[in-house]
Amino acid sequence: TQNLIFPVTVALSQTFIKADGKDVALTPGMTATVEIRTGRRRVIDYLLSPVRETTSTAGHER
């Protein structure tokens, strides 16, 4: 399985998150795992749609 990594720039609405009941500062250089929504579809949905279409019609006659 190939992991896709994309560099992005984000703007935060707050500079701290709660972790184990404590405030943890969010600082530049921290890594994150995110889902980017483009309209109503996530990027992964867009990338997987050809595969889903193929598997949904697999085994059907035309």
PDB file of N, CA and C in Angstrom:
ATOM      1  N   THR A   1       0.844  -1.174   0.000  1.00  0.00           N
ATOM      2  CA  THR A   1       0.000   0.000   0.000  1.00  0.00           C
ATOM      3  C   THR A   1       0.886   1.234   0.000  1.00  0.00           C
ATOM      4  N   GLN A   2       0.538   2.188  -0.847  1.00  0.00           N
ATOM      5  CA  GLN A   2       1.316   3.419  -0.934  1.00  0.00           C
ATOM      6  C   GLN A   2       0.630   4.520  -0.137  1.00  0.00           C
ATOM      7  N   ASN A   3       1.359   5.136   0.772  1.00  0.00           N
ATOM      8  CA  ASN A   3       0.826   6.279   1.508  1.00  0.00           C
ATOM      9  C   ASN A   3       1.099   7.540   0.710  1.00  0.00           C
ATOM     10  N   LEU A   4       0.074   8.351   0.540  1.00  0.00           N
ATOM     11  CA  LEU A   4       0.234   9.601  -0.179  1.00  0.00           C
ATOM     12  C   LEU A   4       0.487  10.714   0.824  1.00  0.00           C
ATOM     13  N   ILE A   5       1.479  11.531   0.549  1.00  0.00           N
ATOM     14  CA  ILE A   5       1.814  12.647   1.425  1.00  0.00           C
ATOM     15  C   ILE A   5       1.812  13.910   0.585  1.00  0.00           C
ATOM     16  N   PHE A   6       1.076  14.909   1.051  1.00  0.00           N
ATOM     17  CA  PHE A   6       0.974  16.173   0.344  1.00  0.00           C
ATOM     18  C   PHE A   6       1.336  17.311   1.286  1.00  0.00           C
ATOM     19  N   PRO A   7       2.255  18.179   0.890  1.00  0.00           N
ATOM     20  CA  PRO A   7       2.536  19.341   1.734  1.00  0.00           C
ATOM     21  C   PRO A   7       1.384  20.344   1.622  1.00  0.00           C
ATOM     22  N   VAL A   8       0.960  20.882   2.744  1.00  0.00           N
ATOM     23  CA  VAL A   8      -0.124  21.865   2.751  1.00  0.00           C
ATOM     24  C   VAL A   8       0.194  22.962   3.760  1.00  0.00           C
ATOM     25  N   THR A   9      -0.508  24.063   3.629  1.00  0.00           N
ATOM     26  CA  THR A   9      -0.442  25.138   4.609  1.00  0.00           C
ATOM     27  C   THR A   9      -1.808  25.244   5.254  1.00  0.00           C
ATOM     28  N   VAL A  10      -1.850  25.278   6.574  1.00  0.00           N
ATOM     29  CA  VAL A  10      -3.128  25.358   7.281  1.00  0.00           C
ATOM     30  C   VAL A  10      -3.136  26.567   8.203  1.00  0.00           C
ATOM     31  N   ALA A  11      -4.336  27.011   8.517  1.00  0.00           N
ATOM     32  CA  ALA A  11      -4.529  28.068   9.510  1.00  0.00           C
ATOM     33  C   ALA A  11      -5.364  27.471  10.635  1.00  0.00           C
ATOM     34  N   LEU A  12      -4.922  27.649  11.847  1.00  0.00           N
ATOM     35  CA  LEU A  12      -5.596  27.056  13.000  1.00  0.00           C
ATOM     36  C   LEU A  12      -6.544  28.051  13.651  1.00  0.00           C
ATOM     37  N   SER A  13      -7.659  27.540  14.144  1.00  0.00           N
ATOM     38  CA  SER A  13      -8.608  28.390  14.858  1.00  0.00           C
ATOM     39  C   SER A  13      -8.239  28.512  16.338  1.00  0.00           C
ATOM     40  N   GLN A  14      -7.360  27.643  16.818  1.00  0.00           N
ATOM     41  CA  GLN A  14      -6.863  27.727  18.195  1.00  0.00           C
ATOM     42  C   GLN A  14      -5.430  27.226  18.215  1.00  0.00           C
ATOM     43  N   THR A  15      -4.686  27.564  19.247  1.00  0.00           N
ATOM     44  CA  THR A  15      -3.270  27.198  19.311  1.00  0.00           C
ATOM     45  C   THR A  15      -2.985  26.076  20.297  1.00  0.00           C
ATOM     46  N   PHE A  16      -4.017  25.543  20.940  1.00  0.00           N
ATOM     47  CA  PHE A  16      -3.863  24.445  21.894  1.00  0.00           C
ATOM     48  C   PHE A  16      -4.917  23.380  21.625  1.00  0.00           C
ATOM     49  N   ILE A  17      -4.590  22.135  21.988  1.00  0.00           N
ATOM     50  CA  ILE A  17      -5.581  21.062  22.013  1.00  0.00           C
ATOM     51  C   ILE A  17      -5.500  20.394  23.384  1.00  0.00           C
ATOM     52  N   LYS A  18      -6.548  19.690  23.753  1.00  0.00           N
ATOM     53  CA  LYS A  18      -6.548  18.923  25.004  1.00  0.00           C
ATOM     54  C   LYS A  18      -6.023  17.523  24.703  1.00  0.00           C
ATOM     55  N   ALA A  19      -5.037  17.085  25.466  1.00  0.00           N
ATOM     56  CA  ALA A  19      -4.505  15.729  25.353  1.00  0.00           C
ATOM     57  C   ALA A  19      -4.304  15.202  26.766  1.00  0.00           C
ATOM     58  N   ASP A  20      -4.985  14.139  27.094  1.00  0.00           N
ATOM     59  CA  ASP A  20      -4.931  13.575  28.449  1.00  0.00           C
ATOM     60  C   ASP A  20      -5.286  14.619  29.507  1.00  0.00           C
ATOM     61  N   GLY A  21      -6.259  15.473  29.176  1.00  0.00           N
ATOM     62  CA  GLY A  21      -6.733  16.475  30.124  1.00  0.00           C
ATOM     63  C   GLY A  21      -5.846  17.695  30.279  1.00  0.00           C
ATOM     64  N   LYS A  22      -4.790  17.790  29.475  1.00  0.00           N
ATOM     65  CA  LYS A  22      -3.872  18.928  29.576  1.00  0.00           C
ATOM     66  C   LYS A  22      -3.875  19.711  28.271  1.00  0.00           C
ATOM     67  N   ASP A  23      -3.652  21.028  28.360  1.00  0.00           N
ATOM     68  CA  ASP A  23      -3.487  21.838  27.157  1.00  0.00           C
ATOM     69  C   ASP A  23      -2.114  21.567  26.560  1.00  0.00           C
ATOM     70  N   VAL A  24      -2.100  21.269  25.265  1.00  0.00           N
ATOM     71  CA  VAL A  24      -0.851  21.036  24.548  1.00  0.00           C
ATOM     72  C   VAL A  24      -0.772  22.070  23.437  1.00  0.00           C
ATOM     73  N   ALA A  25       0.329  22.806  23.396  1.00  0.00           N
ATOM     74  CA  ALA A  25       0.502  23.851  22.387  1.00  0.00           C
ATOM     75  C   ALA A  25       0.722  23.228  21.011  1.00  0.00           C
ATOM     76  N   LEU A  26       0.073  23.796  20.011  1.00  0.00           N
ATOM     77  CA  LEU A  26       0.305  23.409  18.623  1.00  0.00           C
ATOM     78  C   LEU A  26       1.379  24.334  18.071  1.00  0.00           C
ATOM     79  N   THR A  27       2.444  23.746  17.537  1.00  0.00           N
ATOM     80  CA  THR A  27       3.571  24.548  17.078  1.00  0.00           C
ATOM     81  C   THR A  27       3.954  24.181  15.648  1.00  0.00           C
ATOM     82  N   PRO A  28       4.608  25.095  14.931  1.00  0.00           N
ATOM     83  CA  PRO A  28       5.053  24.798  13.570  1.00  0.00           C
ATOM     84  C   PRO A  28       5.956  23.570  13.551  1.00  0.00           C
ATOM     85  N   GLY A  29       5.808  22.770  12.502  1.00  0.00           N
ATOM     86  CA  GLY A  29       6.631  21.582  12.341  1.00  0.00           C
ATOM     87  C   GLY A  29       6.010  20.308  12.877  1.00  0.00           C
ATOM     88  N   MET A  30       4.907  20.430  13.624  1.00  0.00           N
ATOM     89  CA  MET A  30       4.221  19.231  14.112  1.00  0.00           C
ATOM     90  C   MET A  30       3.598  18.507  12.926  1.00  0.00           C
ATOM     91  N   THR A  31       3.540  17.191  13.013  1.00  0.00           N
ATOM     92  CA  THR A  31       2.897  16.418  11.959  1.00  0.00           C
ATOM     93  C   THR A  31       1.432  16.198  12.306  1.00  0.00           C
ATOM     94  N   ALA A  32       0.644  15.957  11.272  1.00  0.00           N
ATOM     95  CA  ALA A  32      -0.785  15.722  11.472  1.00  0.00           C
ATOM     96  C   ALA A  32      -1.294  14.782  10.396  1.00  0.00           C
ATOM     97  N   THR A  33      -2.337  14.062  10.717  1.00  0.00           N
ATOM     98  CA  THR A  33      -3.058  13.264   9.741  1.00  0.00           C
ATOM     99  C   THR A  33      -4.413  13.926   9.570  1.00  0.00           C
ATOM    100  N   VAL A  34      -4.756  14.269   8.338  1.00  0.00           N
ATOM    101  CA  VAL A  34      -5.992  15.014   8.094  1.00  0.00           C
ATOM    102  C   VAL A  34      -6.744  14.437   6.911  1.00  0.00           C
ATOM    103  N   GLU A  35      -8.009  14.736   6.842  1.00  0.00           N
ATOM    104  CA  GLU A  35      -8.824  14.475   5.662  1.00  0.00           C
ATOM    105  C   GLU A  35      -9.180  15.822   5.076  1.00  0.00           C
ATOM    106  N   ILE A  36      -8.882  15.995   3.803  1.00  0.00           N
ATOM    107  CA  ILE A  36      -9.182  17.254   3.134  1.00  0.00           C
ATOM    108  C   ILE A  36     -10.456  17.066   2.337  1.00  0.00           C
ATOM    109  N   ARG A  37     -11.444  17.875   2.639  1.00  0.00           N
ATOM    110  CA  ARG A  37     -12.706  17.794   1.909  1.00  0.00           C
ATOM    111  C   ARG A  37     -12.695  18.805   0.775  1.00  0.00           C
ATOM    112  N   THR A  38     -13.052  18.320  -0.391  1.00  0.00           N
ATOM    113  CA  THR A  38     -13.165  19.189  -1.558  1.00  0.00           C
ATOM    114  C   THR A  38     -14.623  19.160  -1.957  1.00  0.00           C
ATOM    115  N   GLY A  39     -15.355  20.197  -1.628  1.00  0.00           N
ATOM    116  CA  GLY A  39     -16.797  20.158  -1.857  1.00  0.00           C
ATOM    117  C   GLY A  39     -17.399  19.135  -0.926  1.00  0.00           C
ATOM    118  N   ARG A  40     -18.132  18.188  -1.471  1.00  0.00           N
ATOM    119  CA  ARG A  40     -18.758  17.148  -0.660  1.00  0.00           C
ATOM    120  C   ARG A  40     -17.965  15.851  -0.655  1.00  0.00           C
ATOM    121  N   ARG A  41     -16.950  15.749  -1.518  1.00  0.00           N
ATOM    122  CA  ARG A  41     -16.169  14.518  -1.605  1.00  0.00           C
ATOM    123  C   ARG A  41     -14.802  14.697  -0.973  1.00  0.00           C
ATOM    124  N   ARG A  42     -14.364  13.678  -0.242  1.00  0.00           N
ATOM    125  CA  ARG A  42     -13.007  13.691   0.278  1.00  0.00           C
ATOM    126  C   ARG A  42     -12.055  13.328  -0.858  1.00  0.00           C
ATOM    127  N   VAL A  43     -10.807  13.699  -0.729  1.00  0.00           N
ATOM    128  CA  VAL A  43      -9.805  13.389  -1.748  1.00  0.00           C
ATOM    129  C   VAL A  43      -9.732  11.886  -1.971  1.00  0.00           C
ATOM    130  N   ILE A  44      -9.779  11.097  -0.910  1.00  0.00           N
ATOM    131  CA  ILE A  44      -9.703   9.640  -1.045  1.00  0.00           C
ATOM    132  C   ILE A  44     -10.887   9.100  -1.841  1.00  0.00           C
ATOM    133  N   ASP A  45     -12.075   9.688  -1.662  1.00  0.00           N
ATOM    134  CA  ASP A  45     -13.235   9.269  -2.448  1.00  0.00           C
ATOM    135  C   ASP A  45     -13.011   9.562  -3.924  1.00  0.00           C
ATOM    136  N   TYR A  46     -12.452  10.716  -4.210  1.00  0.00           N
ATOM    137  CA  TYR A  46     -12.165  11.095  -5.593  1.00  0.00           C
ATOM    138  C   TYR A  46     -11.154  10.135  -6.214  1.00  0.00           C
ATOM    139  N   LEU A  47     -10.106   9.802  -5.471  1.00  0.00           N
ATOM    140  CA  LEU A  47      -9.068   8.916  -6.000  1.00  0.00           C
ATOM    141  C   LEU A  47      -9.554   7.481  -6.171  1.00  0.00           C
ATOM    142  N   LEU A  48     -10.441   7.031  -5.285  1.00  0.00           N
ATOM    143  CA  LEU A  48     -10.911   5.643  -5.339  1.00  0.00           C
ATOM    144  C   LEU A  48     -12.145   5.444  -6.212  1.00  0.00           C
ATOM    145  N   SER A  49     -12.757   6.517  -6.699  1.00  0.00           N
ATOM    146  CA  SER A  49     -14.000   6.360  -7.461  1.00  0.00           C
ATOM    147  C   SER A  49     -13.847   5.463  -8.693  1.00  0.00           C
ATOM    148  N   PRO A  50     -12.753   5.526  -9.475  1.00  0.00           N
ATOM    149  CA  PRO A  50     -12.633   4.590 -10.605  1.00  0.00           C
ATOM    150  C   PRO A  50     -12.593   3.129 -10.157  1.00  0.00           C
ATOM    151  N   VAL A  51     -11.939   2.859  -9.046  1.00  0.00           N
ATOM    152  CA  VAL A  51     -11.863   1.489  -8.525  1.00  0.00           C
ATOM    153  C   VAL A  51     -13.245   1.032  -8.081  1.00  0.00           C
ATOM    154  N   ARG A  52     -13.964   1.893  -7.388  1.00  0.00           N
ATOM    155  CA  ARG A  52     -15.309   1.545  -6.922  1.00  0.00           C
ATOM    156  C   ARG A  52     -16.252   1.294  -8.093  1.00  0.00           C
ATOM    157  N   GLU A  53     -16.154   2.120  -9.134  1.00  0.00           N
ATOM    158  CA  GLU A  53     -17.011   1.918 -10.307  1.00  0.00           C
ATOM    159  C   GLU A  53     -16.708   0.584 -10.972  1.00  0.00           C
ATOM    160  N   THR A  54     -15.437   0.241 -11.082  1.00  0.00           N
ATOM    161  CA  THR A  54     -15.042  -1.021 -11.709  1.00  0.00           C
ATOM    162  C   THR A  54     -15.523  -2.209 -10.895  1.00  0.00           C
ATOM    163  N   THR A  55     -15.352  -2.157  -9.583  1.00  0.00           N
ATOM    164  CA  THR A  55     -15.757  -3.291  -8.757  1.00  0.00           C
ATOM    165  C   THR A  55     -17.276  -3.420  -8.666  1.00  0.00           C
ATOM    166  N   SER A  56     -17.997  -2.306  -8.777  1.00  0.00           N
ATOM    167  CA  SER A  56     -19.460  -2.397  -8.691  1.00  0.00           C
ATOM    168  C   SER A  56     -20.061  -3.000  -9.958  1.00  0.00           C
ATOM    169  N   THR A  57     -19.348  -2.893 -11.082  1.00  0.00           N
ATOM    170  CA  THR A  57     -19.865  -3.470 -12.328  1.00  0.00           C
ATOM    171  C   THR A  57     -19.181  -4.786 -12.688  1.00  0.00           C
ATOM    172  N   ALA A  58     -18.245  -5.234 -11.872  1.00  0.00           N
ATOM    173  CA  ALA A  58     -17.536  -6.482 -12.155  1.00  0.00           C
ATOM    174  C   ALA A  58     -18.522  -7.648 -12.169  1.00  0.00           C
ATOM    175  N   GLY A  59     -18.395  -8.493 -13.181  1.00  0.00           N
ATOM    176  CA  GLY A  59     -19.254  -9.666 -13.274  1.00  0.00           C
ATOM    177  C   GLY A  59     -20.580  -9.418 -13.976  1.00  0.00           C
ATOM    178  N   HIS A  60     -20.874  -8.188 -14.329  1.00  0.00           N
ATOM    179  CA  HIS A  60     -22.120  -7.883 -15.042  1.00  0.00           C
ATOM    180  C   HIS A  60     -21.884  -7.906 -16.541  1.00  0.00           C
ATOM    181  N   GLU A  61     -22.855  -8.422 -17.281  1.00  0.00           N
ATOM    182  CA  GLU A  61     -22.757  -8.407 -18.739  1.00  0.00           C
ATOM    183  C   GLU A  61     -23.215  -7.066 -19.260  1.00  0.00           C
ATOM    184  N   ARG A  62     -22.668  -6.698 -20.414  1.00  0.00           N
ATOM    185  CA  ARG A  62     -23.090  -5.448 -21.049  1.00  0.00           C
ATOM    186  C   ARG A  62     -23.936  -5.755 -22.245  1.00  0.00           C
TER     187      ARG A  62
END
